[in-house]
Amino acid sequence: RGRKIDLCKKAGVALAYKAIQEHDEVGLVVFGKEVTASVPPTSDFQELLNKITTIRASQETDFVVCLREAIKLFPETNATKHLLLLSDALPTIGENPEKSALDAVAEAAHTGITVSLVGINLDKKGRLFGEQLTELGKGKFYVVDDVNNLDQVVLMDYAQR
């Protein structure tokens, strides 16, 4: 909420701008307990900007719906397919939300999608989950305690792809 969500939006805009300048396409999945918006990979910066500005914080987090949406959105080509999750919470939806999220990450990895996580102000349990998620997703795990550096972390992840 508040400044944190604003800085997440800023990081999303920075990533979209940088990637499109590099002739890469960027997609977007906005989720809480359900997917509230999504954009398939595109080079249309204005479309992404319009969606990013409508993002609102959510009380609940369902990584499974996000991951399944990402699998549907990524093209079935040999292009680099990388999902970067920005979250300050553990998954909260379902009977065993952490296991379900890890299963969904394994499913994404099986389709050729790498998954990185930028964890914002995570506790010990959140850090352990983030490590497991990114190990299965063959991505990077970043812990951000100062959200003022969020855009730099997101751009660093992009540069490493």
Protein backbone atom coordinates (compact mmCIF):
# COMPACT_ATOMS: atom_id res chain seq x y z
CA ARG A 1 0.00 0.00 0.00
CA GLY A 2 0.98 3.63 -0.24
CA ARG A 3 4.57 4.36 -1.15
CA LYS A 4 5.41 0.67 -1.58
CA ILE A 5 2.85 0.10 -4.35
CA ASP A 6 3.87 3.37 -6.01
CA LEU A 7 7.51 2.24 -6.10
CA CYS A 8 6.46 -1.15 -7.49
CA LYS A 9 4.63 0.65 -10.28
CA LYS A 10 7.68 2.82 -10.93
CA ALA A 11 9.83 -0.32 -11.18
CA GLY A 12 7.35 -1.85 -13.64
CA VAL A 13 7.41 1.26 -15.80
CA ALA A 14 11.23 1.33 -15.73
CA LEU A 15 11.41 -2.32 -16.76
CA ALA A 16 8.87 -1.91 -19.55
CA TYR A 17 10.64 1.15 -20.92
CA LYS A 18 14.11 -0.44 -20.80
CA ALA A 19 13.02 -3.75 -22.33
CA ILE A 20 11.08 -2.12 -25.16
CA GLN A 21 14.07 0.15 -25.89
CA GLU A 22 16.11 -3.07 -26.19
CA HIS A 23 13.51 -4.43 -28.68
CA ASP A 24 12.16 -6.98 -26.19
CA GLU A 25 8.51 -7.54 -25.44
CA VAL A 26 7.05 -7.21 -21.96
CA GLY A 27 3.88 -8.68 -20.50
CA LEU A 28 2.10 -7.97 -17.25
CA VAL A 29 0.06 -10.02 -14.80
CA VAL A 30 -1.56 -8.16 -11.91
CA PHE A 31 -2.87 -10.48 -9.22
CA GLY A 32 -4.06 -10.80 -5.66
CA LYS A 33 -6.53 -13.56 -4.95
CA GLU A 34 -7.28 -13.52 -8.70
CA VAL A 35 -5.77 -12.03 -11.84
CA THR A 36 -7.12 -8.49 -12.09
CA ALA A 37 -5.31 -7.50 -15.29
CA SER A 38 -2.97 -9.04 -17.81
CA VAL A 39 -1.19 -8.00 -20.97
CA PRO A 40 0.47 -10.57 -23.26
CA PRO A 41 4.08 -9.80 -24.20
CA THR A 42 4.04 -6.62 -26.27
CA SER A 43 6.20 -3.73 -27.38
CA ASP A 44 3.32 -1.29 -26.80
CA PHE A 45 4.67 0.83 -23.94
CA GLN A 46 1.47 2.88 -23.67
CA GLU A 47 -0.67 -0.23 -23.15
CA LEU A 48 1.61 -1.41 -20.36
CA LEU A 49 1.71 2.05 -18.80
CA ASN A 50 -2.10 2.24 -18.81
CA LYS A 51 -2.38 -1.12 -17.00
CA ILE A 52 0.40 -0.37 -14.52
CA THR A 53 -1.27 2.85 -13.41
CA THR A 54 -4.44 0.93 -12.45
CA ILE A 55 -2.66 -1.51 -10.09
CA ARG A 56 -3.99 -1.55 -6.54
CA ALA A 57 -2.60 -3.37 -3.51
CA SER A 58 -4.31 -6.60 -2.50
CA GLN A 59 -4.73 -8.27 0.88
CA GLU A 60 -4.42 -11.81 -0.45
CA THR A 61 -1.82 -13.44 -2.70
CA ASP A 62 -2.38 -16.38 -5.02
CA PHE A 63 0.84 -17.13 -6.90
CA VAL A 64 -0.86 -20.05 -8.67
CA VAL A 65 -3.30 -17.86 -10.62
CA CYS A 66 -0.43 -15.56 -11.61
CA LEU A 67 1.78 -18.40 -12.78
CA ARG A 68 -0.99 -20.09 -14.74
CA GLU A 69 -1.85 -16.79 -16.43
CA ALA A 70 1.82 -16.28 -17.32
CA ILE A 71 2.00 -19.75 -18.85
CA LYS A 72 -1.00 -18.87 -21.04
CA LEU A 73 0.44 -15.48 -22.03
CA PHE A 74 3.94 -16.51 -23.04
CA PRO A 75 4.27 -17.50 -26.69
CA GLU A 76 5.14 -21.08 -27.56
CA THR A 77 8.38 -20.07 -29.25
CA ASN A 78 12.02 -20.42 -28.32
CA ALA A 79 12.13 -16.83 -27.09
CA THR A 80 13.43 -16.06 -23.62
CA LYS A 81 10.50 -16.44 -21.23
CA HIS A 82 11.15 -14.89 -17.84
CA LEU A 83 8.65 -14.03 -15.12
CA LEU A 84 9.65 -11.55 -12.43
CA LEU A 85 7.36 -11.59 -9.39
CA LEU A 86 7.25 -8.57 -7.08
CA SER A 87 5.65 -9.45 -3.77
CA ASP A 88 5.71 -8.65 -0.09
CA ALA A 89 3.79 -11.70 1.01
CA LEU A 90 3.64 -15.45 1.06
CA PRO A 91 0.89 -17.11 -0.95
CA THR A 92 -2.32 -17.12 1.12
CA ILE A 93 -4.98 -18.79 -1.05
CA GLY A 94 -5.82 -22.50 -0.87
CA GLU A 95 -5.41 -25.41 1.51
CA ASN A 96 -1.61 -25.54 1.16
CA PRO A 97 -0.77 -22.30 -0.69
CA GLU A 98 3.02 -22.58 -0.54
CA LYS A 99 3.08 -26.12 -1.94
CA SER A 100 0.54 -25.16 -4.63
CA ALA A 101 2.69 -22.16 -5.61
CA LEU A 102 5.83 -24.30 -5.81
CA ASP A 103 3.99 -26.87 -7.95
CA ALA A 104 2.88 -24.06 -10.28
CA VAL A 105 6.47 -22.77 -10.52
CA ALA A 106 7.63 -26.28 -11.47
CA GLU A 107 4.89 -26.32 -14.13
CA ALA A 108 6.07 -22.95 -15.47
CA ALA A 109 9.68 -24.14 -15.52
CA HIS A 110 8.60 -27.21 -17.47
CA THR A 111 7.23 -24.90 -20.19
CA GLY A 112 10.55 -23.03 -20.40
CA ILE A 113 9.69 -20.08 -18.16
CA THR A 114 12.26 -18.96 -15.63
CA VAL A 115 10.88 -17.35 -12.48
CA SER A 116 12.63 -14.76 -10.32
CA LEU A 117 11.24 -13.12 -7.21
CA VAL A 118 11.78 -9.69 -5.72
CA GLY A 119 10.70 -10.16 -2.11
CA ILE A 120 9.88 -6.93 -0.33
CA ASN A 121 10.42 -6.82 3.45
CA LEU A 122 10.21 -10.61 3.83
CA ASP A 123 10.35 -12.41 7.15
CA LYS A 124 12.33 -15.65 7.65
CA LYS A 125 9.48 -17.83 6.31
CA GLY A 126 9.11 -15.56 3.27
CA ARG A 127 12.82 -15.75 2.55
CA LEU A 128 12.80 -19.55 2.72
CA PHE A 129 9.80 -19.67 0.37
CA GLY A 130 11.50 -17.23 -2.02
CA GLU A 131 14.62 -19.38 -2.13
CA GLN A 132 12.58 -22.50 -2.89
CA LEU A 133 10.49 -20.74 -5.52
CA THR A 134 13.44 -19.34 -7.44
CA GLU A 135 15.42 -22.57 -7.20
CA LEU A 136 12.53 -24.45 -8.84
CA GLY A 137 12.01 -21.59 -11.29
CA LYS A 138 15.72 -21.42 -12.20
CA GLY A 139 15.63 -17.69 -11.51
CA LYS A 140 17.13 -15.20 -9.11
CA PHE A 141 15.93 -14.28 -5.64
CA TYR A 142 16.26 -10.71 -4.47
CA VAL A 143 15.40 -9.42 -1.01
CA VAL A 144 14.56 -5.75 -0.92
CA ASP A 145 14.34 -4.12 2.50
CA ASP A 146 14.54 -0.57 1.13
CA VAL A 147 11.83 -0.15 -1.52
CA ASN A 148 13.57 2.98 -2.79
CA ASN A 149 16.00 0.60 -4.55
CA LEU A 150 13.29 -1.53 -6.13
CA ASP A 151 13.60 -0.18 -9.67
CA GLN A 152 17.37 -0.78 -9.63
CA VAL A 153 16.85 -4.42 -8.59
CA VAL A 154 14.24 -4.98 -11.31
CA LEU A 155 16.51 -3.50 -13.97
CA MET A 156 19.43 -5.59 -12.70
CA ASP A 157 17.33 -8.74 -13.11
CA TYR A 158 16.44 -7.69 -16.66
CA ALA A 159 20.10 -7.09 -17.52
CA GLN A 160 20.98 -10.61 -16.38
CA ARG A 161 18.50 -12.27 -18.73
